[in-house]
Amino acid sequence: MTPRATRQMAAVYDVLSAALDHPTAEVLCARVRGRLPRVSLGTIYRNLDKLREQGRVRVLRLDGGEAHFDARTEAHDHFACLRCGAVQDLPGAPSATPVDETRTAGCVVQWQTTAYYGHCSDCVRTCAATRTA
């Protein structure tokens, strides 16, 4: 039996697909409420889980442990700002990983991502402006 697509699931997916910032469930909930004002955080989590099971959404658990969600499911790397917490996609091919070594160990790779940590351009500008003021 295929899962039933609901308007809540469609709204979650549409809002997430348009996002470039890899929102948390709480941020996504606030955005979906712009379309469906009565949607609950529990509904957001349930639909994100269903979308993940369908392979339409990826969950990123970066340093700090908070889950971020991404509708871009092909392999790609990320940058996470240590100051403001912004997460963004990095252009180009993903970093090389020892997939052959992982297979030799008997593991099956579902997907991979590498995250780079530092300060985003906005935070760098803000810090530079604060130092010169």
Foldseek 3Di string as FASTA:
>chain_A
DDDDDDVLLVLLLVQQAPDFFQAALVVSVVVSCVVVVPDDSVSSVVSQVVCVVVQQKDWDQDPVGGTGIHRPRAAFEWEAEPPPGTIGTDDDDADDDPQVVCVVVVDDDPYDYYYHYHHDPVVVVVVVVVVVD
